[in-house]
Amino acid sequence: MKIALAQINPTIADFSGNLKKIRDFSAKAQKQGASLVVFPEQALSGYPALDLWEDPAFIRENSRAIKKLAAESGELGIIVGFSSFNSAPFGKPIHNSAALLHRGKIKASRHKTLLPTYDVFDEARYFKPARSNPPFKFKGKTIGLTICEDAWFSEKNGNKKLYQTDPIGLQARQGADILINISASPFIRGKNLQRRKIMSAHARKNQLPFFYCNMTGGNDEIVFDGRSCVFDHKGRLIDQAKAFSEDILLVDLENMPPPASPSDMSEIEEIEGALITGIGDYLSKCKISKVFVGLSGGIDSAVVAALAVKALGKDRVTGVSMPSRYSSQGSIVDAKTLAQNLQIRFLSVPISSLHDSYKETLKNFIGGNPEDLWEQNIQARIRGNILMALANKEGGMVLTTGNKSELSVGYCTLYGDMSGGLAPLADVPKETVYQLAQWINREKEIIPLNSIQKAPSAELKPGQKDEDDLPPYPVLDQILKLHIEERLGLDEIAKKGFSKNLVKETLRRIELSEHKRRQAPPSIKISPKAFGVGRRMPIARGTYLDEEL
C-alpha cells in the first residue's frame, strides 16, 4: 500500500479554499498511485482557529465540509483533520478530530487525546479530549491514528512530564501495524531535529513504521514548517518533505526505500525561511497587496525590506526614507542604495519642517523643557504617521522594523516606529539580525556593508548610539535569552557572569515595557518564547526583583 503525506497550507475559516486544496492534492496523490492520502491536523479549517472554535456556525460549516468531502471520496482513502461535535452530555462542545474518508463515507473518526495548554497552545479551552482512541482497519492494515501533541507525551515541563498517557504506545499494544500522526506543529528554530528524534523513537520503540504529516504555511504569528517525514520500523528516517512549502511525500509501505539523510538547513536559513513564509502568508491571507518599509539606512530596516522582497516580490514593496536634521549623509545614501539593490520603489520624505512645526506648536506647553525624549519621540511619530498615510492611500500595510532586543527593553516608540500591521523582526534578537544580513548578502551585496558595519543608532539626536542607552547587544541578547526563553531570574543570570546591577536594570526595563508590547503589531514566532499570544504578562504589577520580604 502506498501512503501519501500531503502537507498543505490551509487558510483559517476558508472552508471552500481548503476543500479545493484537499481535493487537488488527493487527485495528485491518487495519480501517483497512493491508496491512502494523509492531511495535517485541522486541515479543513486551518490552525489555530482560536475563538472561532467557539462559534457554532463555524463548527457547523466544518461539519458540512467533512460530510461533503466524505461523499466525494472513492477508492482513495483520505485522512483529514477537522473539528467534530462532542456527543457526550458533558465536557467541551467539540473534539479536535481526524477522519478516514472512503467510498463516500466517514469510515472512522478519532479524537486528540493530549490537549496542549502551554506557549501558543490553549486547546483545553476549546476541545474535549478523547476517552479512547483504538486503531482501525483500512485495506487489510490496522492503523493507529493520533494528532500532534499525542506524539509529544514524553516532553517535560521542568523536571516533570507533561502527561501520563502514551497514546501511540497504547495503539501499538492494541494491534496497530502502521502509526500515523497528523500535526500542526509550529516552527521554532532548531525544533526539526528534536521533532525527528521524537518520531523516530516512536517507530523504534514500537517496532512499527511511523508516518508524520505536518502543516506548512503561516497563520498570523505562527509559521508551520512542514517537513513531514516517514520512519521505518527501526526508527530510521526514510524520507522528508520540503520545508516551508506544500509538498506530497509518497512511500510504498510494502517496499520502503533505504534510510535517507536529508540535507538539513542551517539555523539562519531556517529563520529566513520562516520569516519569508510568515510575511508572505500574512499579506496574502489578509488580502493586502503591498507593503511600506521605513528605510533608515540601518540594518533592521534593510533586513525587513530584503525579506519583504523575497516574500512578496520587488513590485509590492516601497521603501520610504524620512531624513531629519540628525540623519547622517551615510544613512541617507545607504537607504537609497538598498532600494536600488532591491529594485524597489523608493520615496524620500524629509521631516525637518514637520519636526519644526510640531515644536513650534508645543513651545508654549513644553518648550521650556530640555530637548530629550519627548523631542526624539516626536520624530519617530512623524515617521509613523507618514508611513501610515502612504499605506492608507494605496491600500497597503506598514511593516515595522524593530527587533526583539529593542522591544524587550522598550527601546521603541509607541505610535512611532511601532506603527504598522506586522512586525517581522519582533522575535529576532539584534545579533540574529546581523546574521540574517550576512546570509542575505551571501552571494552578492544587497544590504550595504555600511549598514552592517556602523554602530547602531536611532539618529534622533546628535551623535546618538544605541549603546548610550543599552548594554552592548551581544551582552543584552544573552541576558534576554536567559530570562525570556529559559525563565531564569536575577540571581541565576548574575551567576552566569553578568553584573547583577546590569541584569536587574535589564529585567526592570522588560517589566516596564509590557504596555508597549501589548500594543505592538503581531510578530512572527521563531523562538521558544516570543512576545504575543505565547507570553502573557500583566501590565499593572509590582516587582519582586531583589526584594527582601
Protein backbone atom coordinates (compact mmCIF):
# COMPACT_ATOMS: atom_id res chain seq x y z
CA MET A 1 0.00 0.00 0.00
CA LYS A 2 1.32 3.42 -0.98
CA ILE A 3 0.71 6.22 1.53
CA ALA A 4 0.95 9.88 0.56
CA LEU A 5 1.58 12.63 3.10
CA ALA A 6 0.05 15.85 1.73
CA GLN A 7 1.43 18.79 3.70
CA ILE A 8 -0.74 21.73 2.73
CA ASN A 9 -1.07 25.39 3.68
CA PRO A 10 -4.71 25.97 4.67
CA THR A 11 -6.25 29.35 5.47
CA ILE A 12 -8.22 29.67 8.69
CA ALA A 13 -12.01 29.65 8.06
CA ASP A 14 -11.63 29.38 4.27
CA PHE A 15 -13.57 26.13 4.01
CA SER A 16 -14.14 26.32 0.26
CA GLY A 17 -10.47 27.14 -0.44
CA ASN A 18 -9.23 24.43 1.91
CA LEU A 19 -11.64 21.88 0.41
CA LYS A 20 -10.34 22.67 -3.06
CA LYS A 21 -6.77 22.25 -1.88
CA ILE A 22 -7.59 18.88 -0.28
CA ARG A 23 -9.35 17.74 -3.46
CA ASP A 24 -6.42 18.84 -5.65
CA PHE A 25 -3.79 17.13 -3.50
CA SER A 26 -5.93 13.99 -3.23
CA ALA A 27 -6.11 13.83 -7.03
CA LYS A 28 -2.33 14.25 -7.28
CA ALA A 29 -1.75 11.52 -4.70
CA GLN A 30 -4.12 9.14 -6.48
CA LYS A 31 -2.42 9.85 -9.79
CA GLN A 32 0.89 8.86 -8.18
CA GLY A 33 -0.63 5.52 -7.13
CA ALA A 34 -1.48 6.22 -3.49
CA SER A 35 -4.07 4.07 -1.70
CA LEU A 36 -4.21 6.48 1.25
CA VAL A 37 -3.54 10.22 1.44
CA VAL A 38 -2.97 11.92 4.78
CA PHE A 39 -3.56 15.63 5.51
CA PRO A 40 -2.50 17.69 8.57
CA GLU A 41 -4.31 18.47 11.79
CA GLN A 42 -7.32 20.79 11.32
CA ALA A 43 -6.65 20.86 7.56
CA LEU A 44 -10.31 21.63 6.84
CA SER A 45 -10.45 24.81 8.90
CA GLY A 46 -6.85 25.90 9.41
CA TYR A 47 -4.97 26.07 12.70
CA PRO A 48 -5.26 27.68 15.19
CA ALA A 49 -8.83 28.95 14.75
CA LEU A 50 -8.86 30.22 18.36
CA ASP A 51 -12.28 31.53 19.46
CA LEU A 52 -13.74 30.67 16.08
CA TRP A 53 -13.84 27.18 17.60
CA GLU A 54 -16.45 28.59 19.99
CA ASP A 55 -18.66 29.83 17.15
CA PRO A 56 -21.42 27.27 16.44
CA ALA A 57 -21.73 28.49 12.85
CA PHE A 58 -18.02 27.84 12.28
CA ILE A 59 -18.31 24.29 13.61
CA ARG A 60 -21.46 23.63 11.58
CA GLU A 61 -19.63 24.75 8.43
CA ASN A 62 -16.75 22.49 9.40
CA SER A 63 -19.20 19.59 9.79
CA ARG A 64 -20.78 20.27 6.40
CA ALA A 65 -17.33 20.39 4.80
CA ILE A 66 -16.25 17.00 6.17
CA LYS A 67 -19.52 15.40 5.08
CA LYS A 68 -19.17 16.87 1.60
CA LEU A 69 -15.59 15.65 1.31
CA ALA A 70 -16.62 12.20 2.54
CA ALA A 71 -19.44 12.00 -0.02
CA GLU A 72 -16.94 12.73 -2.80
CA SER A 73 -14.43 10.10 -1.66
CA GLY A 74 -13.88 6.99 -3.77
CA GLU A 75 -11.29 4.24 -3.72
CA LEU A 76 -8.63 6.57 -2.37
CA GLY A 77 -8.69 6.70 1.42
CA ILE A 78 -8.40 10.22 2.84
CA ILE A 79 -7.32 11.03 6.39
CA VAL A 80 -8.01 14.66 7.25
CA GLY A 81 -8.07 16.80 10.41
CA PHE A 82 -11.25 18.66 11.39
CA SER A 83 -13.43 19.58 14.40
CA SER A 84 -16.29 17.30 15.43
CA PHE A 85 -19.19 17.77 17.82
CA ASN A 86 -18.92 16.16 21.23
CA SER A 87 -21.88 13.79 21.58
CA ALA A 88 -21.34 13.18 25.30
CA PRO A 89 -23.57 15.05 27.79
CA PHE A 90 -20.54 16.68 29.45
CA GLY A 91 -17.31 18.44 28.52
CA LYS A 92 -16.38 20.93 25.85
CA PRO A 93 -18.69 21.02 22.82
CA ILE A 94 -16.14 19.84 20.25
CA HIS A 95 -13.20 17.50 19.68
CA ASN A 96 -10.01 18.06 17.73
CA SER A 97 -10.52 15.14 15.35
CA ALA A 98 -9.27 13.17 12.39
CA ALA A 99 -11.43 11.17 10.00
CA LEU A 100 -10.83 8.38 7.50
CA LEU A 101 -12.97 9.02 4.40
CA HIS A 102 -13.52 6.18 1.93
CA ARG A 103 -16.13 5.20 -0.65
CA GLY A 104 -18.49 8.04 0.17
CA LYS A 105 -18.47 7.67 3.94
CA ILE A 106 -16.68 8.66 7.14
CA LYS A 107 -15.31 5.20 7.90
CA ALA A 108 -13.60 6.13 11.16
CA SER A 109 -13.25 9.18 13.38
CA ARG A 110 -10.68 9.62 16.13
CA HIS A 111 -10.05 12.45 18.58
CA LYS A 112 -6.96 14.08 20.05
CA THR A 113 -6.09 12.74 23.49
CA LEU A 114 -3.44 15.20 24.74
CA LEU A 115 -4.51 18.85 24.58
CA PRO A 116 -1.58 21.28 24.95
CA THR A 117 -2.06 24.36 27.12
CA TYR A 118 1.39 25.97 27.01
CA ASP A 119 3.05 28.69 24.94
CA VAL A 120 0.81 29.45 21.92
CA PHE A 121 -1.48 26.48 22.62
CA ASP A 122 -4.73 26.63 24.59
CA GLU A 123 -6.61 23.61 23.32
CA ALA A 124 -8.23 22.65 26.63
CA ARG A 125 -10.12 25.93 26.29
CA TYR A 126 -11.94 24.56 23.24
CA PHE A 127 -11.75 20.78 22.94
CA LYS A 128 -12.78 17.69 24.87
CA PRO A 129 -10.02 15.05 24.92
CA ALA A 130 -10.59 11.55 23.61
CA ARG A 131 -11.61 8.93 26.17
CA SER A 132 -10.23 6.20 23.92
CA ASN A 133 -8.59 6.09 20.53
CA PRO A 134 -8.36 2.48 19.24
CA PRO A 135 -6.75 1.59 15.90
CA PHE A 136 -8.97 0.96 12.86
CA LYS A 137 -8.77 -1.21 9.74
CA PHE A 138 -8.11 0.04 6.22
CA LYS A 139 -7.36 -2.22 3.25
CA GLY A 140 -6.06 -5.03 5.40
CA LYS A 141 -3.91 -2.80 7.60
CA THR A 142 -4.53 -1.73 11.20
CA ILE A 143 -3.84 1.98 11.55
CA GLY A 144 -3.09 3.80 14.77
CA LEU A 145 -4.02 7.44 14.14
CA THR A 146 -3.01 10.24 16.53
CA ILE A 147 -2.98 14.02 16.39
CA CYS A 148 0.07 16.25 17.00
CA GLU A 149 0.55 16.53 20.80
CA ASP A 150 -0.31 12.84 21.18
CA ALA A 151 3.21 12.17 19.89
CA TRP A 152 4.84 14.55 22.42
CA PHE A 153 3.67 12.80 25.60
CA SER A 154 7.24 12.35 26.87
CA GLU A 155 8.10 16.07 26.80
CA LYS A 156 8.85 17.69 30.14
CA ASN A 157 7.98 20.93 31.89
CA GLY A 158 11.00 21.38 34.11
CA ASN A 159 11.57 18.06 35.87
CA LYS A 160 8.07 16.73 35.32
CA LYS A 161 6.48 15.03 32.35
CA LEU A 162 3.50 16.90 30.98
CA TYR A 163 1.38 13.77 30.54
CA GLN A 164 0.83 10.31 31.97
CA THR A 165 -0.72 8.78 28.85
CA ASP A 166 1.20 7.49 25.82
CA PRO A 167 -1.49 7.41 23.09
CA ILE A 168 0.85 5.99 20.44
CA GLY A 169 2.21 3.21 22.65
CA LEU A 170 -1.34 2.29 23.61
CA GLN A 171 -2.33 1.94 19.94
CA ALA A 172 0.70 -0.27 19.29
CA ARG A 173 -0.32 -2.53 22.16
CA GLN A 174 -3.85 -2.65 20.72
CA GLY A 175 -2.57 -4.15 17.49
CA ALA A 176 -1.72 -1.25 15.16
CA ASP A 177 0.73 -2.15 12.42
CA ILE A 178 1.02 1.40 10.98
CA LEU A 179 1.37 4.57 13.08
CA ILE A 180 0.18 7.88 11.61
CA ASN A 181 0.36 11.27 13.30
CA ILE A 182 -1.22 14.38 11.75
CA SER A 183 0.10 17.67 13.06
CA ALA A 184 0.08 21.43 13.06
CA SER A 185 3.46 21.77 14.76
CA PRO A 186 4.77 25.36 14.72
CA PHE A 187 8.28 26.28 13.68
CA ILE A 188 10.84 27.10 16.33
CA ARG A 189 14.50 27.45 15.47
CA GLY A 190 16.23 24.08 15.80
CA LYS A 191 12.98 22.20 16.51
CA ASN A 192 13.04 19.95 13.45
CA LEU A 193 15.85 17.77 14.78
CA GLN A 194 14.05 17.38 18.12
CA ARG A 195 10.83 16.52 16.28
CA ARG A 196 12.55 13.85 14.18
CA LYS A 197 14.12 12.28 17.27
CA ILE A 198 10.72 12.02 18.95
CA MET A 199 9.01 10.48 15.93
CA SER A 200 11.92 8.12 15.33
CA ALA A 201 11.72 6.97 18.94
CA HIS A 202 8.04 6.06 18.50
CA ALA A 203 8.84 3.92 15.47
CA ARG A 204 11.84 2.26 17.13
CA LYS A 205 10.14 1.66 20.49
CA ASN A 206 7.01 0.14 18.93
CA GLN A 207 8.82 -1.58 16.02
CA LEU A 208 6.33 -0.08 13.56
CA PRO A 209 6.58 2.27 10.54
CA PHE A 210 5.69 5.83 11.51
CA PHE A 211 4.15 8.44 9.17
CA TYR A 212 4.17 12.08 10.30
CA CYS A 213 2.23 14.73 8.33
CA ASN A 214 2.77 18.35 9.35
CA MET A 215 1.11 21.56 8.20
CA THR A 216 3.03 24.23 6.31
CA GLY A 217 2.50 27.97 5.89
CA GLY A 218 1.89 30.97 8.14
CA ASN A 219 -1.19 31.83 10.17
CA ASP A 220 -0.82 35.17 11.98
CA GLU A 221 2.19 34.89 14.34
CA ILE A 222 2.71 31.17 13.83
CA VAL A 223 4.61 29.57 10.97
CA PHE A 224 4.41 25.85 10.19
CA ASP A 225 7.48 24.43 8.51
CA GLY A 226 6.11 21.20 7.02
CA ARG A 227 8.97 18.69 6.75
CA SER A 228 6.60 15.75 7.01
CA CYS A 229 8.56 12.53 7.37
CA VAL A 230 8.44 8.73 7.37
CA PHE A 231 10.38 6.28 9.54
CA ASP A 232 10.75 2.53 9.15
CA HIS A 233 10.13 0.07 11.99
CA LYS A 234 13.69 0.56 13.26
CA GLY A 235 13.21 4.30 13.58
CA ARG A 236 15.37 5.13 10.56
CA LEU A 237 14.35 8.14 8.50
CA ILE A 238 13.11 7.07 5.08
CA ASP A 239 12.20 10.44 3.58
CA GLN A 240 11.32 14.01 4.48
CA ALA A 241 9.16 16.54 2.64
CA LYS A 242 10.17 20.10 1.83
CA ALA A 243 10.47 22.88 4.38
CA PHE A 244 8.10 25.89 4.26
CA SER A 245 6.38 24.59 1.14
CA GLU A 246 3.42 22.47 0.15
CA ASP A 247 4.53 19.01 -0.86
CA ILE A 248 3.50 15.38 -1.30
CA LEU A 249 5.64 12.63 0.18
CA LEU A 250 4.79 9.17 -1.21
CA VAL A 251 6.11 5.97 0.38
CA ASP A 252 5.31 2.36 -0.54
CA LEU A 253 4.66 0.58 2.74
CA GLU A 254 5.45 -2.83 1.25
CA ASN A 255 8.64 -1.70 -0.44
CA MET A 256 10.19 1.02 1.69
CA PRO A 257 13.28 2.70 0.26
CA PRO A 258 16.55 2.59 2.20
CA PRO A 259 17.18 5.11 5.00
CA ALA A 260 17.80 8.67 3.86
CA SER A 261 19.93 11.56 5.12
CA PRO A 262 18.05 14.78 4.39
CA SER A 263 20.03 17.91 3.68
CA ASP A 264 19.14 19.91 6.79
CA MET A 265 19.03 23.69 6.69
CA SER A 266 21.32 25.82 8.83
CA GLU A 267 19.60 27.67 11.67
CA ILE A 268 19.86 31.06 9.95
CA GLU A 269 18.49 29.59 6.71
CA GLU A 270 15.56 28.16 8.70
CA ILE A 271 14.89 31.53 10.32
CA GLU A 272 14.95 33.29 6.96
CA GLY A 273 12.55 30.71 5.54
CA ALA A 274 10.16 31.14 8.46
CA LEU A 275 10.18 34.94 8.20
CA ILE A 276 9.63 34.91 4.44
CA THR A 277 6.76 32.44 4.84
CA GLY A 278 5.26 34.45 7.68
CA ILE A 279 5.36 37.74 5.78
CA GLY A 280 4.06 36.25 2.54
CA ASP A 281 1.17 34.32 4.05
CA TYR A 282 0.12 37.11 6.40
CA LEU A 283 -0.21 39.50 3.47
CA SER A 284 -1.86 37.03 1.11
CA LYS A 285 -4.31 35.65 3.66
CA CYS A 286 -5.23 39.19 4.75
CA LYS A 287 -5.58 40.07 1.03
CA ILE A 288 -3.15 43.01 1.22
CA SER A 289 -1.23 43.66 -1.97
CA LYS A 290 1.71 45.86 -0.94
CA VAL A 291 3.88 46.93 1.97
CA PHE A 292 5.75 50.06 3.04
CA VAL A 293 9.01 49.97 4.98
CA GLY A 294 10.68 52.96 6.57
CA LEU A 295 14.32 52.85 5.44
CA SER A 296 16.65 54.49 7.96
CA GLY A 297 19.89 53.24 6.44
CA GLY A 298 20.26 50.89 9.41
CA ILE A 299 20.44 47.13 9.48
CA ASP A 300 16.95 46.37 10.84
CA SER A 301 15.02 48.20 8.14
CA ALA A 302 17.37 46.81 5.50
CA VAL A 303 16.73 43.21 6.59
CA VAL A 304 12.95 43.76 6.75
CA ALA A 305 12.91 45.23 3.24
CA ALA A 306 15.04 42.39 1.85
CA LEU A 307 12.80 39.75 3.46
CA ALA A 308 9.69 41.51 2.16
CA VAL A 309 11.05 41.43 -1.39
CA LYS A 310 11.75 37.70 -1.09
CA ALA A 311 8.26 37.11 0.28
CA LEU A 312 6.25 39.39 -2.00
CA GLY A 313 8.37 40.44 -4.96
CA LYS A 314 10.01 43.81 -5.61
CA ASP A 315 6.92 45.39 -7.17
CA ARG A 316 4.94 45.06 -3.94
CA VAL A 317 7.47 46.76 -1.66
CA THR A 318 8.03 50.50 -1.23
CA GLY A 319 10.94 51.88 0.77
CA VAL A 320 10.47 55.28 2.39
CA SER A 321 13.38 57.41 3.59
CA MET A 322 12.39 60.13 6.08
CA PRO A 323 15.58 62.03 6.93
CA SER A 324 15.70 64.59 9.73
CA ARG A 325 18.37 67.10 10.67
CA TYR A 326 20.01 64.33 12.71
CA SER A 327 20.21 61.82 9.86
CA SER A 328 23.75 61.26 8.67
CA GLN A 329 24.51 61.56 4.98
CA GLY A 330 25.79 58.00 5.07
CA SER A 331 22.45 56.69 6.32
CA ILE A 332 20.55 58.59 3.63
CA VAL A 333 22.84 57.13 0.95
CA ASP A 334 22.60 53.62 2.44
CA ALA A 335 18.80 53.71 2.35
CA LYS A 336 18.79 54.74 -1.30
CA THR A 337 21.46 52.18 -2.22
CA LEU A 338 19.46 49.41 -0.55
CA ALA A 339 16.35 50.35 -2.53
CA GLN A 340 18.39 50.32 -5.75
CA ASN A 341 19.87 46.92 -4.91
CA LEU A 342 16.40 45.51 -4.19
CA GLN A 343 14.93 47.31 -7.23
CA ILE A 344 12.01 48.59 -5.17
CA ARG A 345 10.15 51.89 -5.40
CA PHE A 346 11.89 54.49 -3.26
CA LEU A 347 10.36 57.63 -1.75
CA SER A 348 12.16 60.35 0.17
CA VAL A 349 10.05 62.45 2.54
CA PRO A 350 12.20 64.81 4.66
CA ILE A 351 10.69 65.54 8.08
CA SER A 352 12.71 68.52 9.35
CA SER A 353 10.00 71.07 8.58
CA LEU A 354 7.31 68.89 10.16
CA HIS A 355 9.51 68.44 13.21
CA ASP A 356 9.93 72.24 13.48
CA SER A 357 6.18 72.70 13.14
CA TYR A 358 5.49 70.28 16.00
CA LYS A 359 7.99 72.04 18.25
CA GLU A 360 6.58 75.45 17.37
CA THR A 361 3.05 74.30 18.14
CA LEU A 362 4.12 72.86 21.50
CA LYS A 363 6.57 75.55 22.60
CA ASN A 364 4.09 77.26 24.94
CA PHE A 365 3.42 73.94 26.66
CA ILE A 366 6.70 72.04 26.78
CA GLY A 367 9.08 74.42 25.02
CA GLY A 368 10.96 75.23 28.21
CA ASN A 369 11.92 71.62 28.80
CA PRO A 370 15.24 70.22 27.59
CA GLU A 371 15.07 68.58 24.18
CA ASP A 372 15.26 65.00 25.35
CA LEU A 373 12.99 62.01 24.96
CA TRP A 374 9.83 63.93 24.04
CA GLU A 375 11.66 65.58 21.17
CA GLN A 376 13.05 62.25 19.95
CA ASN A 377 9.66 60.58 20.11
CA ILE A 378 8.05 63.31 18.02
CA GLN A 379 10.38 62.41 15.15
CA ALA A 380 9.50 58.72 15.39
CA ARG A 381 5.78 59.54 15.46
CA ILE A 382 6.04 61.85 12.46
CA ARG A 383 7.64 58.99 10.54
CA GLY A 384 4.96 56.57 11.71
CA ASN A 385 2.22 58.94 10.52
CA ILE A 386 3.85 59.37 7.12
CA LEU A 387 4.16 55.62 6.59
CA MET A 388 0.57 55.02 7.70
CA ALA A 389 -0.71 57.79 5.41
CA LEU A 390 1.06 56.28 2.39
CA ALA A 391 -0.20 52.80 3.25
CA ASN A 392 -3.78 54.05 3.77
CA LYS A 393 -3.74 55.90 0.46
CA GLU A 394 -2.59 52.88 -1.54
CA GLY A 395 -4.34 50.12 0.40
CA GLY A 396 -1.09 48.70 1.75
CA MET A 397 0.39 47.78 5.11
CA VAL A 398 3.36 49.11 7.04
CA LEU A 399 5.97 46.59 8.18
CA THR A 400 7.64 47.72 11.39
CA THR A 401 11.37 47.22 11.68
CA GLY A 402 12.08 46.83 15.41
CA ASN A 403 13.84 43.71 16.69
CA LYS A 404 13.29 41.59 19.81
CA SER A 405 16.18 43.17 21.69
CA GLU A 406 14.66 46.64 21.37
CA LEU A 407 11.11 45.50 22.05
CA SER A 408 12.22 43.62 25.17
CA VAL A 409 13.54 46.72 26.91
CA GLY A 410 11.19 49.29 25.39
CA TYR A 411 13.75 50.89 23.10
CA CYS A 412 10.98 51.80 20.67
CA THR A 413 8.25 54.44 20.36
CA LEU A 414 4.55 53.76 20.66
CA TYR A 415 2.67 55.21 17.67
CA GLY A 416 6.03 55.86 16.04
CA ASP A 417 8.39 53.12 14.85
CA MET A 418 5.92 50.59 16.35
CA SER A 419 3.18 51.74 13.92
CA GLY A 420 2.29 49.06 11.40
CA GLY A 421 0.41 45.86 10.70
CA LEU A 422 3.18 43.27 11.11
CA ALA A 423 6.49 43.21 12.98
CA PRO A 424 8.68 40.67 11.14
CA LEU A 425 11.71 41.02 13.44
CA ALA A 426 9.94 41.29 16.79
CA ASP A 427 11.09 37.77 17.76
CA VAL A 428 14.55 38.18 16.21
CA PRO A 429 17.36 39.36 18.54
CA LYS A 430 19.73 42.02 17.26
CA GLU A 431 22.65 39.61 16.92
CA THR A 432 20.48 37.34 14.75
CA VAL A 433 19.53 40.35 12.61
CA TYR A 434 23.24 40.72 11.81
CA GLN A 435 23.42 37.02 10.91
CA LEU A 436 20.41 37.42 8.62
CA ALA A 437 22.07 40.36 6.90
CA GLN A 438 25.22 38.33 6.25
CA TRP A 439 23.10 35.42 4.97
CA ILE A 440 21.14 37.72 2.64
CA ASN A 441 24.46 39.04 1.31
CA ARG A 442 25.99 35.57 0.87
CA GLU A 443 26.06 35.72 -2.96
CA LYS A 444 26.23 39.46 -3.59
CA GLU A 445 25.94 42.71 -1.67
CA ILE A 446 22.26 43.56 -1.26
CA ILE A 447 22.37 45.21 2.15
CA PRO A 448 25.07 47.94 2.04
CA LEU A 449 28.10 46.94 4.09
CA ASN A 450 27.97 50.29 5.86
CA SER A 451 24.53 49.40 7.24
CA ILE A 452 26.05 46.24 8.73
CA GLN A 453 29.34 47.69 9.97
CA LYS A 454 28.33 51.02 11.50
CA ALA A 455 27.36 51.37 15.16
CA PRO A 456 23.57 51.03 15.60
CA SER A 457 21.82 54.35 16.11
CA ALA A 458 18.25 55.68 16.07
CA GLU A 459 19.70 59.03 14.89
CA LEU A 460 17.17 61.06 16.87
CA LYS A 461 19.75 63.38 18.46
CA PRO A 462 23.31 64.44 17.62
CA GLY A 463 25.88 61.65 17.85
CA GLN A 464 23.39 59.16 19.25
CA LYS A 465 24.39 55.48 19.56
CA ASP A 466 22.25 52.62 20.87
CA GLU A 467 24.96 51.74 23.40
CA ASP A 468 24.45 55.15 25.04
CA ASP A 469 21.19 53.74 26.42
CA LEU A 470 21.61 49.96 26.20
CA PRO A 471 24.23 47.34 27.03
CA PRO A 472 26.18 46.06 24.01
CA TYR A 473 23.82 43.85 22.02
CA PRO A 474 25.91 40.66 22.42
CA VAL A 475 25.55 41.06 26.21
CA LEU A 476 21.92 42.22 26.14
CA ASP A 477 20.83 39.35 23.90
CA GLN A 478 22.34 36.76 26.23
CA ILE A 479 20.53 38.22 29.23
CA LEU A 480 17.25 38.40 27.33
CA LYS A 481 17.51 34.79 26.16
CA LEU A 482 18.24 33.54 29.67
CA HIS A 483 15.30 35.45 31.14
CA ILE A 484 12.62 35.30 28.43
CA GLU A 485 13.27 31.90 26.87
CA GLU A 486 14.89 30.00 29.73
CA ARG A 487 12.91 31.73 32.52
CA LEU A 488 15.94 32.40 34.72
CA GLY A 489 15.72 35.09 37.38
CA LEU A 490 18.03 37.84 38.56
CA ASP A 491 20.37 35.78 40.75
CA GLU A 492 20.55 32.84 38.33
CA ILE A 493 21.52 35.12 35.43
CA ALA A 494 24.05 37.06 37.51
CA LYS A 495 25.76 33.78 38.48
CA LYS A 496 26.48 33.18 34.81
CA GLY A 497 28.96 36.06 34.82
CA PHE A 498 26.84 39.18 34.35
CA SER A 499 26.81 42.26 36.55
CA LYS A 500 23.91 41.96 38.98
CA ASN A 501 23.07 45.65 38.60
CA LEU A 502 23.05 45.32 34.82
CA VAL A 503 20.78 42.27 34.96
CA LYS A 504 18.46 43.99 37.44
CA GLU A 505 18.16 47.09 35.27
CA THR A 506 17.53 44.96 32.16
CA LEU A 507 14.81 42.94 33.86
CA ARG A 508 13.27 46.13 35.23
CA ARG A 509 13.09 47.56 31.72
CA ILE A 510 11.46 44.37 30.46
CA GLU A 511 8.76 44.73 33.12
CA LEU A 512 8.17 48.42 32.45
CA SER A 513 7.79 47.86 28.69
CA GLU A 514 4.92 45.38 28.86
CA HIS A 515 2.36 48.08 27.98
CA LYS A 516 4.23 48.77 24.75
CA ARG A 517 4.33 45.12 23.73
CA ARG A 518 0.60 44.75 24.42
CA GLN A 519 0.01 47.42 21.73
CA ALA A 520 2.56 46.10 19.24
CA PRO A 521 1.55 44.55 15.92
CA PRO A 522 1.74 40.76 15.59
CA SER A 523 5.18 39.27 15.11
CA ILE A 524 6.45 36.04 13.54
CA LYS A 525 7.41 33.43 16.11
CA ILE A 526 10.82 31.80 15.67
CA SER A 527 11.90 31.25 19.30
CA PRO A 528 10.66 29.03 22.14
CA LYS A 529 9.16 32.12 23.81
CA ALA A 530 8.01 35.00 21.63
CA PHE A 531 6.14 38.11 22.68
CA GLY A 532 2.43 37.86 21.89
CA VAL A 533 -0.10 35.09 22.45
CA GLY A 534 2.50 32.70 23.86
CA ARG A 535 3.71 35.05 26.62
CA ARG A 536 1.02 36.52 28.85
CA MET A 537 2.17 39.06 31.40
CA PRO A 538 0.23 41.60 33.49
CA ILE A 539 0.89 45.27 32.81
CA ALA A 540 -0.08 46.71 36.22
CA ARG A 541 2.09 44.78 38.66
CA GLY A 542 4.57 45.00 41.47
CA THR A 543 8.17 43.90 41.24
CA TYR A 544 9.97 41.14 43.12
CA LEU A 545 13.46 41.75 41.73
CA ASP A 546 15.98 41.54 44.59
CA GLU A 547 13.18 42.29 47.07
CA GLU A 548 13.62 41.49 50.76
CA LEU A 549 10.44 40.31 52.47
